[in-house]
C-alpha atoms as a PDB file:
ATOM      1  CA  MET A   1      22.432 132.409  66.865  1.00  0.00           C
ATOM      2  CA  VAL A   2      25.923 131.589  64.965  1.00  0.00           C
ATOM      3  CA  THR A   3      26.478 131.814  61.145  1.00  0.00           C
ATOM      4  CA  LYS A   4      29.052 130.405  59.239  1.00  0.00           C
ATOM      5  CA  ALA A   5      30.542 132.572  56.758  1.00  0.00           C
ATOM      6  CA  HIS A   6      31.063 131.190  53.382  1.00  0.00           C
ATOM      7  CA  PHE A   7      34.183 132.368  51.582  1.00  0.00           C
ATOM      8  CA  ARG A   8      34.706 131.765  47.739  1.00  0.00           C
ATOM      9  CA  THR A   9      37.168 129.407  47.251  1.00  0.00           C
ATOM     10  CA  ASP A  10      37.697 130.297  43.012  1.00  0.00           C
ATOM     11  CA  GLY A  11      40.603 132.368  43.553  1.00  0.00           C
ATOM     12  CA  CYS A  12      42.817 130.127  45.627  1.00  0.00           C
ATOM     13  CA  ARG A  13      42.474 127.496  42.644  1.00  0.00           C
ATOM     14  CA  ARG A  14      43.969 129.515  40.848  1.00  0.00           C
ATOM     15  CA  GLN A  15      47.096 130.412  42.930  1.00  0.00           C
ATOM     16  CA  ARG A  16      48.202 127.007  43.402  1.00  0.00           C
ATOM     17  CA  GLY A  17      51.831 126.641  43.326  1.00  0.00           C
ATOM     18  CA  ALA A  18      52.373 130.258  43.223  1.00  0.00           C
ATOM     19  CA  ALA A  19      54.853 129.698  46.253  1.00  0.00           C
ATOM     20  CA  LEU A  20      56.673 126.982  44.284  1.00  0.00           C
ATOM     21  CA  VAL A  21      57.109 129.092  41.299  1.00  0.00           C
ATOM     22  CA  VAL A  22      58.549 132.264  43.968  1.00  0.00           C
ATOM     23  CA  ALA A  23      60.519 129.846  45.545  1.00  0.00           C
ATOM     24  CA  LEU A  24      62.309 128.606  42.615  1.00  0.00           C
ATOM     25  CA  LEU A  25      62.867 132.046  41.457  1.00  0.00           C
ATOM     26  CA  LEU A  26      64.553 133.304  44.225  1.00  0.00           C
ATOM     27  CA  LEU A  27      66.512 129.772  44.534  1.00  0.00           C
ATOM     28  CA  LEU A  28      67.828 131.000  40.820  1.00  0.00           C
ATOM     29  CA  VAL A  29      68.705 134.385  42.021  1.00  0.00           C
ATOM     30  CA  ILE A  30      70.754 133.256  45.270  1.00  0.00           C
ATOM     31  CA  THR A  31      72.538 130.895  42.780  1.00  0.00           C
ATOM     32  CA  LEU A  32      73.281 133.291  40.342  1.00  0.00           C
ATOM     33  CA  LEU A  33      74.974 135.455  42.779  1.00  0.00           C
ATOM     34  CA  ALA A  34      76.625 132.391  44.054  1.00  0.00           C
ATOM     35  CA  VAL A  35      78.206 131.808  40.783  1.00  0.00           C
ATOM     36  CA  ALA A  36      79.247 135.249  40.102  1.00  0.00           C
ATOM     37  CA  GLY A  37      80.645 136.042  43.706  1.00  0.00           C
ATOM     38  CA  MET A  38      82.960 132.520  42.984  1.00  0.00           C
ATOM     39  CA  ASN A  39      83.992 133.880  39.510  1.00  0.00           C
ATOM     40  CA  SER A  40      84.927 137.416  40.976  1.00  0.00           C
ATOM     41  CA  ALA A  41      87.135 135.247  43.740  1.00  0.00           C
ATOM     42  CA  ALA A  42      88.889 133.120  41.296  1.00  0.00           C
ATOM     43  CA  VAL A  43      89.942 136.293  39.540  1.00  0.00           C
ATOM     44  CA  GLU A  44      91.056 138.393  42.456  1.00  0.00           C
ATOM     45  CA  PHE A  45      93.045 135.181  43.616  1.00  0.00           C
ATOM     46  CA  THR A  46      94.726 135.201  40.172  1.00  0.00           C
ATOM     47  CA  MET A  47      95.182 139.356  40.711  1.00  0.00           C
ATOM     48  CA  ALA A  48      96.591 138.293  43.579  1.00  0.00           C
ATOM     49  CA  GLY A  49      99.274 135.823  42.625  1.00  0.00           C
ATOM     50  CA  ASN A  50     100.047 137.830  39.317  1.00  0.00           C
ATOM     51  CA  GLU A  51     101.090 140.630  41.917  1.00  0.00           C
ATOM     52  CA  GLN A  52     103.283 138.592  44.051  1.00  0.00           C
ATOM     53  CA  HIS A  53     105.151 137.357  40.774  1.00  0.00           C
ATOM     54  CA  ARG A  54     105.436 140.935  39.809  1.00  0.00           C
ATOM     55  CA  GLN A  55     106.901 141.605  42.920  1.00  0.00           C
ATOM     56  CA  ASN A  56     109.158 138.750  43.195  1.00  0.00           C
ATOM     57  CA  ALA A  57     110.703 140.221  39.540  1.00  0.00           C
ATOM     58  CA  PHE A  58     110.910 143.498  40.422  1.00  0.00           C
ATOM     59  CA  GLN A  59     113.005 142.462  43.829  1.00  0.00           C
ATOM     60  CA  ALA A  60     115.050 140.030  41.755  1.00  0.00           C
ATOM     61  CA  ALA A  61     115.825 143.285  39.205  1.00  0.00           C
ATOM     62  CA  GLU A  62     116.910 145.391  42.386  1.00  0.00           C
ATOM     63  CA  THR A  63     119.040 142.239  43.558  1.00  0.00           C
ATOM     64  CA  GLY A  64     120.977 142.256  40.068  1.00  0.00           C
ATOM     65  CA  ILE A  65     121.466 146.332  40.216  1.00  0.00           C
ATOM     66  CA  GLU A  66     123.106 145.946  43.772  1.00  0.00           C
ATOM     67  CA  GLN A  67     125.386 142.621  43.099  1.00  0.00           C
ATOM     68  CA  THR A  68     126.771 144.716  40.262  1.00  0.00           C
ATOM     69  CA  VAL A  69     127.377 147.355  42.056  1.00  0.00           C
ATOM     70  CA  VAL A  70     129.083 145.478  44.549  1.00  0.00           C
ATOM     71  CA  THR A  71     130.757 142.877  42.102  1.00  0.00           C
ATOM     72  CA  GLY A  72     131.082 145.074  38.666  1.00  0.00           C
ATOM     73  CA  GLY A  73     134.168 145.547  37.287  1.00  0.00           C
ATOM     74  CA  PHE A  74     133.508 149.604  36.530  1.00  0.00           C
ATOM     75  CA  ILE A  75     136.757 149.772  33.764  1.00  0.00           C
ATOM     76  CA  PRO A  76     135.770 152.470  31.328  1.00  0.00           C
ATOM     77  CA  ALA A  77     136.953 151.514  28.107  1.00  0.00           C
ATOM     78  CA  ALA A  78     136.262 147.975  28.601  1.00  0.00           C
ATOM     79  CA  GLY A  79     132.985 146.436  26.694  1.00  0.00           C
ATOM     80  CA  ASN A  80     130.074 145.592  28.381  1.00  0.00           C
ATOM     81  CA  GLU A  81     129.923 143.177  31.369  1.00  0.00           C
ATOM     82  CA  VAL A  82     127.160 140.827  31.040  1.00  0.00           C
ATOM     83  CA  HIS A  83     125.918 138.408  33.497  1.00  0.00           C
ATOM     84  CA  ASN A  84     123.230 136.012  32.543  1.00  0.00           C
ATOM     85  CA  ASN A  85     120.007 134.006  34.218  1.00  0.00           C
ATOM     86  CA  VAL A  86     122.210 134.582  38.002  1.00  0.00           C
ATOM     87  CA  ALA A  87     120.014 132.658  40.445  1.00  0.00           C
ATOM     88  CA  VAL A  88     118.790 135.363  43.336  1.00  0.00           C
ATOM     89  CA  PRO A  89     120.695 134.433  46.642  1.00  0.00           C
ATOM     90  CA  GLY A  90     118.233 132.262  49.020  1.00  0.00           C
ATOM     91  CA  SER A  91     115.400 131.922  45.971  1.00  0.00           C
ATOM     92  CA  ALA A  92     115.089 128.610  43.674  1.00  0.00           C
ATOM     93  CA  THR A  93     112.594 130.948  41.525  1.00  0.00           C
ATOM     94  CA  ASP A  94     113.779 134.273  40.901  1.00  0.00           C
ATOM     95  CA  THR A  95     116.709 135.162  38.364  1.00  0.00           C
ATOM     96  CA  TYR A  96     118.184 138.260  37.315  1.00  0.00           C
ATOM     97  CA  SER A  97     120.524 139.049  33.912  1.00  0.00           C
ATOM     98  CA  THR A  98     122.564 142.427  34.089  1.00  0.00           C
ATOM     99  CA  ILE A  99     124.418 144.385  31.576  1.00  0.00           C
ATOM    100  CA  LEU A 100     126.916 147.180  32.980  1.00  0.00           C
ATOM    101  CA  GLN A 101     128.002 149.271  29.980  1.00  0.00           C
ATOM    102  CA  SER A 102     130.180 152.336  30.328  1.00  0.00           C
ATOM    103  CA  ASP A 103     128.391 155.657  28.998  1.00  0.00           C
ATOM    104  CA  LEU A 104     130.253 157.960  27.076  1.00  0.00           C
ATOM    105  CA  GLY A 105     132.168 155.776  25.101  1.00  0.00           C
ATOM    106  CA  GLY A 106     134.650 155.277  28.271  1.00  0.00           C
ATOM    107  CA  ALA A 107     135.638 159.342  28.581  1.00  0.00           C
ATOM    108  CA  ALA A 108     135.861 160.574  31.533  1.00  0.00           C
ATOM    109  CA  GLN A 109     133.491 163.448  32.241  1.00  0.00           C
ATOM    110  CA  PRO A 110     135.089 166.648  33.744  1.00  0.00           C
ATOM    111  CA  ALA A 111     134.293 168.261  37.611  1.00  0.00           C
ATOM    112  CA  LEU A 112     131.776 170.681  37.336  1.00  0.00           C
ATOM    113  CA  TRP A 113     133.144 173.996  36.825  1.00  0.00           C
ATOM    114  CA  GLY A 114     133.823 175.809  39.781  1.00  0.00           C
ATOM    115  CA  ASN A 115     134.534 172.576  42.128  1.00  0.00           C
ATOM    116  CA  SER A 116     137.944 171.151  42.326  1.00  0.00           C
ATOM    117  CA  TRP A 117     138.429 171.237  38.604  1.00  0.00           C
ATOM    118  CA  ASN A 118     141.654 169.786  38.555  1.00  0.00           C
ATOM    119  CA  SER A 119     141.146 167.039  41.243  1.00  0.00           C
ATOM    120  CA  PHE A 120     138.900 164.498  39.891  1.00  0.00           C
ATOM    121  CA  SER A 121     136.777 163.545  37.222  1.00  0.00           C
ATOM    122  CA  THR A 122     133.968 161.030  36.582  1.00  0.00           C
ATOM    123  CA  TYR A 123     133.036 158.037  34.475  1.00  0.00           C
ATOM    124  CA  ASP A 124     129.602 157.343  33.977  1.00  0.00           C
ATOM    125  CA  PHE A 125     128.134 153.711  33.795  1.00  0.00           C
ATOM    126  CA  THR A 126     124.647 152.233  33.252  1.00  0.00           C
ATOM    127  CA  ILE A 127     123.266 148.930  34.880  1.00  0.00           C
ATOM    128  CA  THR A 128     120.360 147.269  33.160  1.00  0.00           C
ATOM    129  CA  SER A 129     118.981 144.589  35.366  1.00  0.00           C
ATOM    130  CA  THR A 130     115.891 141.842  34.031  1.00  0.00           C
ATOM    131  CA  GLY A 131     114.576 140.149  36.918  1.00  0.00           C
ATOM    132  CA  ASN A 132     112.361 137.059  36.603  1.00  0.00           C
ATOM    133  CA  PHE A 133     110.250 135.200  38.606  1.00  0.00           C
ATOM    134  CA  LEU A 134     109.009 131.810  37.152  1.00  0.00           C
ATOM    135  CA  ALA A 135     110.414 132.392  33.626  1.00  0.00           C
ATOM    136  CA  ASN A 136     109.754 129.150  32.355  1.00  0.00           C
ATOM    137  CA  SER A 137     105.899 129.162  33.472  1.00  0.00           C
ATOM    138  CA  VAL A 138     103.299 130.490  31.355  1.00  0.00           C
ATOM    139  CA  ARG A 139     102.995 133.164  34.065  1.00  0.00           C
ATOM    140  CA  GLY A 140     106.323 133.988  34.754  1.00  0.00           C
ATOM    141  CA  ALA A 141     106.762 137.964  35.427  1.00  0.00           C
ATOM    142  CA  GLN A 142     109.605 140.052  34.361  1.00  0.00           C
ATOM    143  CA  SER A 143     110.756 143.520  35.604  1.00  0.00           C
ATOM    144  CA  THR A 144     113.725 145.783  33.950  1.00  0.00           C
ATOM    145  CA  HIS A 145     115.292 148.315  35.740  1.00  0.00           C
ATOM    146  CA  ALA A 146     118.207 150.385  34.796  1.00  0.00           C
ATOM    147  CA  GLN A 147     120.501 152.346  37.202  1.00  0.00           C
ATOM    148  CA  GLY A 148     123.196 155.274  36.205  1.00  0.00           C
ATOM    149  CA  ILE A 149     125.967 155.177  38.279  1.00  0.00           C
ATOM    150  CA  ALA A 150     128.998 157.787  38.291  1.00  0.00           C
ATOM    151  CA  VAL A 151     132.346 156.605  39.724  1.00  0.00           C
ATOM    152  CA  LEU A 152     134.399 159.155  40.520  1.00  0.00           C
ATOM    153  CA  ALA A 153     138.316 159.264  39.667  1.00  0.00           C
ATOM    154  CA  PRO A 154     141.408 161.413  39.359  1.00  0.00           C
ATOM    155  CA  ALA A 155     141.526 163.793  36.737  1.00  0.00           C
ATOM    156  CA  SER A 156     141.957 162.415  33.430  1.00  0.00           C
ATOM    157  CA  ALA A 157     144.264 164.341  30.750  1.00  0.00           C
ATOM    158  CA  GLN A 158     141.089 164.266  28.425  1.00  0.00           C
ATOM    159  CA  THR A 159     139.189 166.301  30.435  1.00  0.00           C
ATOM    160  CA  SER A 160     141.837 168.449  31.912  1.00  0.00           C
ATOM    161  CA  GLY A 161     144.122 171.072  30.037  1.00  0.00           C
ATOM    162  CA  PRO A 162     146.642 173.021  31.453  1.00  0.00           C
ATOM    163  CA  GLY A 163     145.577 175.339  34.600  1.00  0.00           C
ATOM    164  CA  GLY A 164     142.493 173.241  34.754  1.00  0.00           C
ATOM    165  CA  LEU A 165     140.426 174.397  31.717  1.00  0.00           C
ATOM    166  CA  ASN A 166     139.472 172.984  28.442  1.00  0.00           C
END
C-alpha cells in the first residue's frame, strides 16, 4: 500500500513574495554599482581632458622659449623684450607670452678663473614663457617656464682689467 506524505503548507504561506523582495534588492545594488561606475568614468574622462589641456599649455610654453632663443635680440643694455599672446604655429587654440630680460643689469659676467680670462665674457638672460591652451574657456590651462641663457661675447672692458685680472 502506498501512502502519500502530507506536508504542512503553513510555512510556505509566510514566505510568499520573498523571491520578489530579494530580486528587487539585487536590482537596487546593481543599479547603484552602475551609477557609481558611470560617475567614476565621467570624472576620469574630465581628468584625462584636463591632463591633455595641461600638456598643450606646457608645449606652448616650450614653443615660446624656443622661438625666443631663435628670434630674441639678446641685447644686454636693452629693456625687457616682451611678446604677448603669440599664436603657436600650426595650432588654432594655443598661445604663448614671453619676456626676455637681461640679468645682472646688462653687465658682463667674466669667464671663470683659469679659462681664457681675457678672451671672452658672458651676458646672462632669462626667458620666461607662459603657454595657454583655450585661454578664454572655463577649463583653460596655463603653464609657465623660465630658462636661463648665457650668451658668449668678446671680453668686456668692464670685466677685464690690465693683465686679465680685476
